[in-house]
Protein backbone atom coordinates (compact mmCIF):
# COMPACT_ATOMS: atom_id res chain seq x y z
CA GLN A 1 -8.09 2.17 51.60
CA VAL A 2 -10.03 4.55 53.78
CA ASP A 3 -9.31 8.26 53.58
CA LEU A 4 -10.03 10.38 56.64
CA VAL A 5 -9.45 14.08 56.08
CA GLU A 6 -9.33 16.38 59.09
CA SER A 7 -9.81 20.12 59.15
CA GLY A 8 -10.46 22.90 61.64
CA GLY A 9 -7.34 22.85 63.76
CA GLY A 10 -5.32 25.90 64.69
CA SER A 11 -4.21 28.07 67.57
CA VAL A 12 -6.43 29.46 70.28
CA GLN A 13 -6.08 30.97 73.71
CA ALA A 14 -7.06 29.08 76.81
CA GLY A 15 -10.79 29.15 77.34
CA GLY A 16 -11.47 29.34 73.63
CA SER A 17 -13.16 26.87 71.30
CA LEU A 18 -12.37 25.00 68.11
CA ARG A 19 -14.32 22.52 66.01
CA LEU A 20 -12.55 19.73 64.20
CA SER A 21 -14.13 18.03 61.21
CA CYS A 22 -13.30 14.74 59.55
CA VAL A 23 -14.73 13.62 56.24
CA ALA A 24 -14.62 9.88 55.72
CA ASP A 25 -14.21 8.60 52.20
CA VAL A 26 -15.99 5.30 52.74
CA ARG A 27 -18.61 3.39 50.79
CA SER A 28 -20.92 3.09 53.76
CA PHE A 29 -20.98 5.35 56.79
CA SER A 30 -23.27 3.13 58.83
CA ARG A 31 -22.06 0.45 61.23
CA ASN A 32 -18.77 2.23 61.80
CA CYS A 33 -17.07 3.53 64.91
CA MET A 34 -15.70 7.03 64.35
CA GLY A 35 -13.55 8.90 66.79
CA TRP A 36 -10.64 11.11 67.67
CA TYR A 37 -7.23 10.44 69.16
CA ARG A 38 -4.56 12.92 70.14
CA GLN A 39 -0.85 12.89 70.79
CA ALA A 40 0.98 15.62 72.66
CA PRO A 41 4.74 16.11 72.30
CA GLY A 42 6.62 13.54 74.34
CA LYS A 43 3.46 11.68 75.30
CA GLU A 44 1.70 8.57 74.11
CA ARG A 45 -1.32 8.92 71.93
CA GLU A 46 -4.64 8.70 73.73
CA PRO A 47 -8.27 8.30 72.72
CA VAL A 48 -10.35 11.44 73.07
CA ALA A 49 -13.88 10.56 71.95
CA ALA A 50 -15.72 7.97 69.88
CA THR A 51 -19.22 7.32 68.65
CA HIS A 52 -20.93 4.74 66.48
CA THR A 53 -22.58 5.82 63.25
CA GLY A 54 -25.65 3.70 63.86
CA GLY A 55 -27.60 1.80 61.28
CA SER A 56 -29.76 -1.23 62.00
CA VAL A 57 -27.92 -1.97 65.24
CA GLY A 58 -28.35 1.50 66.68
CA SER A 59 -25.64 3.83 67.86
CA GLY A 60 -24.71 2.67 71.37
CA PRO A 61 -22.89 4.78 73.96
CA ILE A 62 -20.56 7.67 73.25
CA TYR A 63 -17.08 7.49 74.75
CA TYR A 64 -15.03 10.38 76.13
CA ALA A 65 -11.70 10.57 77.86
CA GLU A 66 -12.08 11.75 81.46
CA SER A 67 -9.93 14.79 80.76
CA VAL A 68 -12.35 16.14 78.14
CA LYS A 69 -15.73 15.19 79.58
CA GLY A 70 -17.99 18.21 79.85
CA ARG A 71 -15.81 20.23 77.46
CA PHE A 72 -15.68 18.25 74.19
CA ILE A 73 -18.61 16.98 72.15
CA ILE A 74 -18.40 14.44 69.35
CA SER A 75 -21.14 14.45 66.74
CA LEU A 76 -21.97 13.07 63.31
CA ASP A 77 -23.49 14.16 60.03
CA ASN A 78 -24.25 10.84 58.39
CA MET A 79 -25.35 12.44 55.12
CA LYS A 80 -21.98 14.20 54.81
CA LYS A 81 -20.05 11.21 56.19
CA THR A 82 -18.47 13.60 58.64
CA VAL A 83 -17.55 13.39 62.31
CA TYR A 84 -17.01 16.52 64.37
CA LEU A 85 -15.26 17.30 67.60
CA GLN A 86 -16.45 20.48 69.26
CA MET A 87 -13.81 21.53 71.77
CA ASN A 88 -14.82 24.13 74.35
CA ASN A 89 -13.01 25.68 77.29
CA LEU A 90 -9.70 24.58 75.82
CA LYS A 91 -6.70 24.25 78.08
CA PRO A 92 -2.97 24.35 77.30
CA GLU A 93 -2.83 20.63 78.08
CA ASP A 94 -5.17 20.02 75.14
CA THR A 95 -2.33 21.03 72.82
CA ALA A 96 -1.65 18.04 70.59
CA MET A 97 -1.90 16.55 67.14
CA TYR A 98 -5.45 15.31 66.74
CA TYR A 99 -6.24 12.30 64.57
CA CYS A 100 -9.53 11.19 63.11
CA VAL A 101 -9.92 7.42 63.48
CA ALA A 102 -12.34 4.80 62.23
CA ASP A 103 -13.22 1.14 62.53
CA LEU A 104 -15.54 -0.13 59.83
CA GLY A 105 -18.28 -2.72 60.02
CA VAL A 106 -18.42 -2.93 63.81
CA VAL A 107 -21.43 -3.25 66.09
CA GLY A 108 -20.32 -0.66 68.62
CA CYS A 109 -17.31 1.31 69.82
CA GLY A 110 -16.46 -0.65 72.93
CA GLY A 111 -13.79 -2.83 71.35
CA SER A 112 -12.25 0.07 69.43
CA TRP A 113 -12.15 2.27 72.53
CA ARG A 114 -10.40 -0.42 74.56
CA SER A 115 -7.82 -1.26 71.93
CA THR A 116 -7.21 0.90 68.88
CA PHE A 117 -8.61 1.82 65.49
CA ASP A 118 -7.76 0.41 62.09
CA HIS A 119 -7.88 3.63 60.08
CA TRP A 120 -6.21 6.95 60.83
CA GLY A 121 -6.19 10.39 59.28
CA GLN A 122 -3.05 12.43 58.75
CA GLY A 123 -3.63 14.50 61.85
CA ILE A 124 -4.20 18.16 62.52
CA GLN A 125 -2.50 20.42 65.03
CA VAL A 126 -4.33 22.10 67.88
CA THR A 127 -2.36 24.58 69.98
CA VAL A 128 -3.77 26.23 73.09
CA SER A 129 -1.81 29.08 74.64
CA SER A 130 -2.14 30.24 78.22
């Protein structure tokens, strides 16, 4: 059982910023792929960003959805076992439920990004008004 606990969601006007946090209750934070998905009402869920936590194999590339490139930044605090999603210049189309996701014991994020993740948080709502 892996617990992923999100925080930091809420409502903001277009152009504003929010930072999501996700604390991972895992034995080891290294060699994991951590990321964020989102699902808007009436739409399929989609990957937003992902990054590897590093360790002996290194961290590898960071992945972003095209729609958020240049506006969202994913980052890690390995000591706190936390992954962040800084969301800037938010748009109404960013309104969605955001989920923290994780794959454990993986070399990089490529496979996870192309398919899906094994572990999911409960989700947190982000609402952007125009």
